[in-house]
């Protein structure tokens, strides 16, 4: 069995195992790299920041063709993630994945993650999901990270799918506005109104 054939078998196995778990009451199963990771419900602070993001970005997008979604599963080549916030077209009917379990990554304009506490959770959002979103070609990844110094916002753009990296990163400390440079949420500001404690 060749390497690509073995990878296909593994991807198929992971996909079937994930589907058997989905939905998992109160937990978030995701396929990241070559593993199924199950996250517990986020702490209060995490939920507060994610909700502020949804409200502010929703207001920013009010007159356009995109909307902000929470709890939406993004699927790409039998990998599945549930970001804290997804920016995608208002009409998702044409973006459903082949099994109607989520939205195909090709139509996602941006993902936002509020970095969770704990070493494994921080590694998931800062490293593994960063690679996964870049590999899927998602144009914008924003991380709100309470655990990086006194807190930072990172705006990642220009994904290189082949290398699974974002070519551009703009990282600012809390207290400094981070501004989305392009796409449907161009000009959206992530500042103290969102990151305040």
Protein backbone atom coordinates (compact mmCIF):
# COMPACT_ATOMS: atom_id res chain seq x y z
CA UNK A 1 0.00 0.00 0.00
CA UNK A 2 1.51 3.34 -1.05
CA UNK A 3 1.84 6.35 1.25
CA UNK A 4 -1.06 8.24 -0.35
CA UNK A 5 -3.25 5.13 -0.25
CA UNK A 6 -2.45 4.58 3.45
CA UNK A 7 -3.23 8.26 4.10
CA UNK A 8 -6.57 7.86 2.35
CA UNK A 9 -7.43 4.86 4.55
CA UNK A 10 -6.47 6.81 7.68
CA UNK A 11 -8.47 9.87 6.58
CA UNK A 12 -11.50 7.67 5.88
CA UNK A 13 -11.20 5.95 9.28
CA UNK A 14 -10.88 9.28 11.10
CA UNK A 15 -13.84 10.70 9.18
CA UNK A 16 -16.09 7.75 10.07
CA UNK A 17 -15.01 7.89 13.74
CA UNK A 18 -15.68 11.65 13.86
CA UNK A 19 -19.11 11.26 12.27
CA UNK A 20 -19.99 8.61 14.85
CA UNK A 21 -19.19 11.13 17.61
CA UNK A 22 -20.93 14.11 16.02
CA UNK A 23 -22.69 15.89 17.60
CA UNK A 24 -21.33 15.24 21.07
CA UNK A 25 -23.40 17.07 23.68
CA UNK A 26 -21.40 19.96 25.14
CA UNK A 27 -18.12 18.82 23.58
CA UNK A 28 -16.44 19.79 20.33
CA UNK A 29 -14.85 16.92 18.38
CA UNK A 30 -12.53 18.14 15.60
CA UNK A 31 -10.17 16.39 13.19
CA UNK A 32 -6.89 18.31 13.36
CA UNK A 33 -3.82 16.96 11.60
CA UNK A 34 -4.17 13.20 12.01
CA UNK A 35 -6.10 13.07 15.27
CA UNK A 36 -9.58 13.56 16.63
CA UNK A 37 -9.40 16.16 19.39
CA UNK A 38 -12.33 16.66 21.74
CA UNK A 39 -12.56 19.99 23.54
CA UNK A 40 -14.62 20.60 26.66
CA UNK A 41 -16.98 23.56 26.84
CA UNK A 42 -14.90 26.74 26.98
CA UNK A 43 -14.51 28.75 30.18
CA UNK A 44 -16.67 31.84 30.77
CA UNK A 45 -14.04 34.36 29.58
CA UNK A 46 -13.61 32.45 26.31
CA UNK A 47 -17.37 32.53 25.67
CA UNK A 48 -17.62 36.23 26.53
CA UNK A 49 -14.85 37.19 24.07
CA UNK A 50 -16.25 34.93 21.32
CA UNK A 51 -19.69 36.49 21.78
CA UNK A 52 -18.25 40.02 21.64
CA UNK A 53 -16.51 39.03 18.38
CA UNK A 54 -19.75 37.68 16.92
CA UNK A 55 -21.76 40.77 17.85
CA UNK A 56 -19.16 43.27 16.62
CA UNK A 57 -18.35 41.44 13.40
CA UNK A 58 -22.05 40.86 12.73
CA UNK A 59 -22.67 44.61 13.01
CA UNK A 60 -19.67 45.26 10.72
CA UNK A 61 -21.09 42.83 8.13
CA UNK A 62 -24.72 44.01 8.41
CA UNK A 63 -24.96 45.45 4.89
CA UNK A 64 -22.93 42.82 3.03
CA UNK A 65 -23.31 39.31 1.71
CA UNK A 66 -21.46 37.63 4.59
CA UNK A 67 -22.41 36.82 8.18
CA UNK A 68 -20.73 35.75 11.43
CA UNK A 69 -21.48 32.23 12.69
CA UNK A 70 -20.75 30.45 15.96
CA UNK A 71 -20.94 26.67 16.26
CA UNK A 72 -20.45 26.11 12.52
CA UNK A 73 -18.27 23.16 11.49
CA UNK A 74 -15.79 23.86 8.69
CA UNK A 75 -14.84 20.83 6.58
CA UNK A 76 -11.88 20.36 4.24
CA UNK A 77 -10.78 17.00 2.78
CA UNK A 78 -12.22 14.96 5.63
CA UNK A 79 -10.84 17.26 8.30
CA UNK A 80 -13.31 19.10 10.52
CA UNK A 81 -12.98 22.14 12.79
CA UNK A 82 -15.40 24.23 14.81
CA UNK A 83 -13.81 27.67 15.14
CA UNK A 84 -15.11 30.13 17.71
CA UNK A 85 -16.32 32.34 14.85
CA UNK A 86 -16.66 31.77 11.11
CA UNK A 87 -17.23 34.46 8.48
CA UNK A 88 -19.04 32.96 5.49
CA UNK A 89 -21.73 33.91 2.99
CA UNK A 90 -25.20 34.58 4.40
CA UNK A 91 -26.58 31.86 2.14
CA UNK A 92 -24.78 28.69 3.19
CA UNK A 93 -26.89 26.30 1.13
CA UNK A 94 -24.36 26.19 -1.70
CA UNK A 95 -21.41 25.68 0.64
CA UNK A 96 -22.49 22.55 2.46
CA UNK A 97 -20.01 19.71 2.47
CA UNK A 98 -20.82 16.47 0.66
CA UNK A 99 -22.59 14.97 3.70
CA UNK A 100 -24.26 18.20 4.91
CA UNK A 101 -22.44 18.14 8.27
CA UNK A 102 -20.94 21.60 7.95
CA UNK A 103 -19.70 24.17 5.50
CA UNK A 104 -16.97 23.57 2.93
CA UNK A 105 -13.79 25.49 3.76
CA UNK A 106 -13.58 26.81 0.18
CA UNK A 107 -16.36 29.29 0.94
CA UNK A 108 -15.09 30.45 4.33
CA UNK A 109 -13.71 33.99 4.33
CA UNK A 110 -12.29 34.01 7.86
CA UNK A 111 -12.00 32.07 11.11
CA UNK A 112 -11.46 33.47 14.59
CA UNK A 113 -10.20 31.54 17.60
CA UNK A 114 -10.09 32.64 21.21
CA UNK A 115 -7.10 30.72 22.55
CA UNK A 116 -8.11 28.38 25.35
CA UNK A 117 -6.22 27.87 28.61
CA UNK A 118 -3.91 24.91 29.04
CA UNK A 119 -0.77 23.87 27.19
CA UNK A 120 -2.52 21.46 24.80
CA UNK A 121 -5.32 23.90 24.01
CA UNK A 122 -2.84 26.71 23.32
CA UNK A 123 -0.83 24.43 21.03
CA UNK A 124 -4.02 23.43 19.18
CA UNK A 125 -5.03 27.03 18.40
CA UNK A 126 -1.55 28.49 17.87
CA UNK A 127 0.02 25.67 15.87
CA UNK A 128 -2.19 22.79 14.72
CA UNK A 129 -5.24 24.83 13.73
CA UNK A 130 -3.01 27.48 12.20
CA UNK A 131 -1.52 24.82 9.88
CA UNK A 132 -4.94 23.30 9.18
CA UNK A 133 -6.59 26.60 8.26
CA UNK A 134 -3.64 27.59 6.04
CA UNK A 135 -3.68 24.16 4.35
CA UNK A 136 -7.41 24.67 3.66
CA UNK A 137 -6.66 28.07 2.09
CA UNK A 138 -8.82 30.06 4.52
CA UNK A 139 -7.80 33.65 3.70
CA UNK A 140 -7.89 35.07 7.24
CA UNK A 141 -7.17 33.55 10.65
CA UNK A 142 -7.44 35.75 13.74
CA UNK A 143 -6.29 34.58 17.18
CA UNK A 144 -7.22 36.38 20.39
CA UNK A 145 -4.68 35.09 22.92
CA UNK A 146 -4.93 35.96 26.63
CA UNK A 147 -1.91 33.72 27.30
CA UNK A 148 0.69 35.43 25.08
CA UNK A 149 2.39 37.93 27.40
CA UNK A 150 -0.28 40.41 28.55
CA UNK A 151 -2.47 39.26 25.65
CA UNK A 152 -2.16 39.59 21.87
CA UNK A 153 -4.27 39.61 18.74
CA UNK A 154 -2.71 37.95 15.69
CA UNK A 155 -4.10 38.58 12.21
CA UNK A 156 -2.82 35.97 9.74
CA UNK A 157 -3.32 36.36 5.99
CA UNK A 158 -1.97 35.03 2.65
CA UNK A 159 -2.24 31.27 3.24
CA UNK A 160 0.15 28.94 1.41
CA UNK A 161 -1.80 25.70 1.16
CA UNK A 162 1.16 23.60 0.01
CA UNK A 163 3.33 24.63 2.95
CA UNK A 164 0.42 24.95 5.44
CA UNK A 165 1.58 28.40 6.56
CA UNK A 166 0.31 31.96 6.53
CA UNK A 167 2.81 34.23 4.79
CA UNK A 168 1.71 37.39 6.59
CA UNK A 169 1.22 37.88 10.31
CA UNK A 170 0.38 41.08 12.13
CA UNK A 171 0.57 40.64 15.91
CA UNK A 172 -0.34 43.38 18.37
CA UNK A 173 -0.59 43.53 22.17
CA UNK A 174 -3.89 44.09 23.89
CA UNK A 175 -4.57 47.80 24.07
CA UNK A 176 -3.55 48.28 20.41
CA UNK A 177 -6.18 47.91 17.70
CA UNK A 178 -5.74 45.04 15.25
CA UNK A 179 -7.43 45.83 11.94
CA UNK A 180 -8.46 43.24 9.37
CA UNK A 181 -6.75 44.27 6.11
CA UNK A 182 -8.92 42.59 3.48
CA UNK A 183 -11.95 40.48 2.65
CA UNK A 184 -15.56 40.81 3.78
CA UNK A 185 -14.51 42.01 7.25
CA UNK A 186 -11.99 44.52 5.91
CA UNK A 187 -11.59 47.34 8.40
CA UNK A 188 -13.01 45.32 11.31
CA UNK A 189 -11.21 46.36 14.50
CA UNK A 190 -10.31 43.94 17.28
CA UNK A 191 -9.55 46.22 20.18
CA UNK A 192 -10.26 46.72 23.87
CA UNK A 193 -14.01 46.55 23.39
CA UNK A 194 -13.50 42.86 22.52
CA UNK A 195 -10.42 41.90 24.58
CA UNK A 196 -11.13 43.76 27.83
CA UNK A 197 -11.29 41.65 30.98
